[in-house]
């Protein structure tokens, strides 16, 4: 049981997910004060159906599946449960 572990989830496209892996370090930013929040990817999984991006089939585009990425914050981070952490495309590996 890891009741004291703090984490946040982000949702990314398939194209972004292929460049991420478990154990990889990833930094986010606390929206409240702009503080950098370091963490490690704990798992990557297909997101629930509500997160799928549906494109029009008339244009010949297929549905895009979103992936849930769980990031455990590093110990000692001054983050409180419920805070919003933002990860921008800049922090993600290039696609």
C-alpha atoms as a PDB file:
ATOM      1  CA  UNK A   1       0.000   0.000   0.000  1.00  0.00           C
ATOM      2  CA  UNK A   2       1.421   3.349  -1.029  1.00  0.00           C
ATOM      3  CA  UNK A   3      -0.926   5.745   0.730  1.00  0.00           C
ATOM      4  CA  UNK A   4       1.678   8.502   1.095  1.00  0.00           C
ATOM      5  CA  UNK A   5       2.680   8.541  -2.580  1.00  0.00           C
ATOM      6  CA  UNK A   6       1.505  11.595  -4.471  1.00  0.00           C
ATOM      7  CA  UNK A   7       0.806  11.429  -8.168  1.00  0.00           C
ATOM      8  CA  UNK A   8      -0.997  13.125 -10.996  1.00  0.00           C
ATOM      9  CA  UNK A   9      -2.387  11.852 -14.275  1.00  0.00           C
ATOM     10  CA  UNK A  10      -2.041  13.341 -17.720  1.00  0.00           C
ATOM     11  CA  UNK A  11      -3.672  12.245 -20.950  1.00  0.00           C
ATOM     12  CA  UNK A  12      -1.702  12.184 -24.185  1.00  0.00           C
ATOM     13  CA  UNK A  13      -2.245  11.112 -27.766  1.00  0.00           C
ATOM     14  CA  UNK A  14      -0.975   7.847 -29.218  1.00  0.00           C
ATOM     15  CA  UNK A  15       1.760   9.775 -31.024  1.00  0.00           C
ATOM     16  CA  UNK A  16       3.028  11.195 -27.735  1.00  0.00           C
ATOM     17  CA  UNK A  17       2.600   7.945 -25.763  1.00  0.00           C
ATOM     18  CA  UNK A  18       5.048   5.988 -27.942  1.00  0.00           C
ATOM     19  CA  UNK A  19       7.840   8.321 -26.785  1.00  0.00           C
ATOM     20  CA  UNK A  20       7.148   7.758 -23.070  1.00  0.00           C
ATOM     21  CA  UNK A  21       8.032   4.772 -20.892  1.00  0.00           C
ATOM     22  CA  UNK A  22       7.673   3.621 -17.300  1.00  0.00           C
ATOM     23  CA  UNK A  23      10.507   4.864 -15.102  1.00  0.00           C
ATOM     24  CA  UNK A  24      11.099   7.958 -17.255  1.00  0.00           C
ATOM     25  CA  UNK A  25      11.466  11.307 -15.483  1.00  0.00           C
ATOM     26  CA  UNK A  26       8.987  14.007 -16.409  1.00  0.00           C
ATOM     27  CA  UNK A  27       8.522  17.509 -15.036  1.00  0.00           C
ATOM     28  CA  UNK A  28       5.295  19.419 -14.648  1.00  0.00           C
ATOM     29  CA  UNK A  29       4.448  22.848 -13.309  1.00  0.00           C
ATOM     30  CA  UNK A  30       2.113  23.638 -10.408  1.00  0.00           C
ATOM     31  CA  UNK A  31      -0.519  26.003 -11.807  1.00  0.00           C
ATOM     32  CA  UNK A  32      -0.916  27.756  -8.440  1.00  0.00           C
ATOM     33  CA  UNK A  33       2.636  29.074  -8.111  1.00  0.00           C
ATOM     34  CA  UNK A  34       4.602  28.034 -11.205  1.00  0.00           C
ATOM     35  CA  UNK A  35       6.812  25.676  -9.181  1.00  0.00           C
ATOM     36  CA  UNK A  36       8.443  22.854 -11.140  1.00  0.00           C
ATOM     37  CA  UNK A  37       7.250  19.416 -10.004  1.00  0.00           C
ATOM     38  CA  UNK A  38       9.602  16.539 -10.809  1.00  0.00           C
ATOM     39  CA  UNK A  39       8.259  13.036 -11.081  1.00  0.00           C
ATOM     40  CA  UNK A  40       8.604   9.579 -12.578  1.00  0.00           C
ATOM     41  CA  UNK A  41       6.171   7.823 -14.910  1.00  0.00           C
ATOM     42  CA  UNK A  42       4.660   4.916 -12.986  1.00  0.00           C
ATOM     43  CA  UNK A  43       2.422   3.450 -15.688  1.00  0.00           C
ATOM     44  CA  UNK A  44       0.998   4.056 -19.142  1.00  0.00           C
ATOM     45  CA  UNK A  45      -2.380   2.647 -20.115  1.00  0.00           C
ATOM     46  CA  UNK A  46      -5.112   3.236 -22.634  1.00  0.00           C
ATOM     47  CA  UNK A  47      -7.451   5.872 -21.245  1.00  0.00           C
ATOM     48  CA  UNK A  48     -11.143   5.192 -20.667  1.00  0.00           C
ATOM     49  CA  UNK A  49     -13.430   5.616 -23.684  1.00  0.00           C
ATOM     50  CA  UNK A  50     -14.431   9.154 -22.737  1.00  0.00           C
ATOM     51  CA  UNK A  51     -10.906  10.304 -23.560  1.00  0.00           C
ATOM     52  CA  UNK A  52     -10.957   9.066 -27.161  1.00  0.00           C
ATOM     53  CA  UNK A  53     -10.722  11.753 -29.803  1.00  0.00           C
ATOM     54  CA  UNK A  54     -13.314  11.097 -32.490  1.00  0.00           C
ATOM     55  CA  UNK A  55     -12.487  12.560 -35.884  1.00  0.00           C
ATOM     56  CA  UNK A  56     -14.905  12.672 -38.773  1.00  0.00           C
ATOM     57  CA  UNK A  57     -14.623   9.610 -40.945  1.00  0.00           C
ATOM     58  CA  UNK A  58     -15.642  11.630 -44.004  1.00  0.00           C
ATOM     59  CA  UNK A  59     -12.111  13.025 -44.117  1.00  0.00           C
ATOM     60  CA  UNK A  60     -10.609   9.537 -43.956  1.00  0.00           C
ATOM     61  CA  UNK A  61      -9.225   9.991 -40.445  1.00  0.00           C
ATOM     62  CA  UNK A  62      -9.339   7.187 -37.880  1.00  0.00           C
ATOM     63  CA  UNK A  63     -10.230   7.591 -34.227  1.00  0.00           C
ATOM     64  CA  UNK A  64      -7.314   8.548 -31.988  1.00  0.00           C
ATOM     65  CA  UNK A  65      -6.967   6.839 -28.642  1.00  0.00           C
ATOM     66  CA  UNK A  66      -5.756   8.780 -25.625  1.00  0.00           C
ATOM     67  CA  UNK A  67      -3.402   7.250 -23.075  1.00  0.00           C
ATOM     68  CA  UNK A  68      -3.369   7.846 -19.335  1.00  0.00           C
ATOM     69  CA  UNK A  69       0.078   8.525 -17.891  1.00  0.00           C
ATOM     70  CA  UNK A  70       0.439   8.349 -14.085  1.00  0.00           C
ATOM     71  CA  UNK A  71       3.350  10.363 -12.725  1.00  0.00           C
ATOM     72  CA  UNK A  72       4.474   9.888  -9.116  1.00  0.00           C
ATOM     73  CA  UNK A  73       6.046  13.039  -7.719  1.00  0.00           C
ATOM     74  CA  UNK A  74       9.558  12.804  -6.336  1.00  0.00           C
ATOM     75  CA  UNK A  75       9.855  12.838  -2.515  1.00  0.00           C
ATOM     76  CA  UNK A  76      10.285  16.268  -0.988  1.00  0.00           C
ATOM     77  CA  UNK A  77       8.172  18.102  -3.554  1.00  0.00           C
ATOM     78  CA  UNK A  78       6.028  20.816  -1.967  1.00  0.00           C
ATOM     79  CA  UNK A  79       2.821  19.706  -3.671  1.00  0.00           C
ATOM     80  CA  UNK A  80      -0.543  19.364  -1.979  1.00  0.00           C
ATOM     81  CA  UNK A  81      -3.227  16.841  -2.891  1.00  0.00           C
ATOM     82  CA  UNK A  82      -5.724  18.415  -5.258  1.00  0.00           C
ATOM     83  CA  UNK A  83      -3.282  20.867  -6.843  1.00  0.00           C
ATOM     84  CA  UNK A  84      -3.341  21.118 -10.614  1.00  0.00           C
ATOM     85  CA  UNK A  85      -0.099  20.118 -12.321  1.00  0.00           C
ATOM     86  CA  UNK A  86       0.349  21.052 -15.956  1.00  0.00           C
ATOM     87  CA  UNK A  87       2.611  19.255 -18.397  1.00  0.00           C
ATOM     88  CA  UNK A  88       2.989  21.076 -21.692  1.00  0.00           C
ATOM     89  CA  UNK A  89       4.150  19.706 -25.016  1.00  0.00           C
ATOM     90  CA  UNK A  90       7.462  21.394 -24.251  1.00  0.00           C
ATOM     91  CA  UNK A  91       8.090  18.945 -21.374  1.00  0.00           C
ATOM     92  CA  UNK A  92       7.106  15.906 -23.464  1.00  0.00           C
ATOM     93  CA  UNK A  93       9.603  14.211 -25.770  1.00  0.00           C
ATOM     94  CA  UNK A  94       9.387  15.337 -29.380  1.00  0.00           C
ATOM     95  CA  UNK A  95       6.966  13.410 -31.561  1.00  0.00           C
END
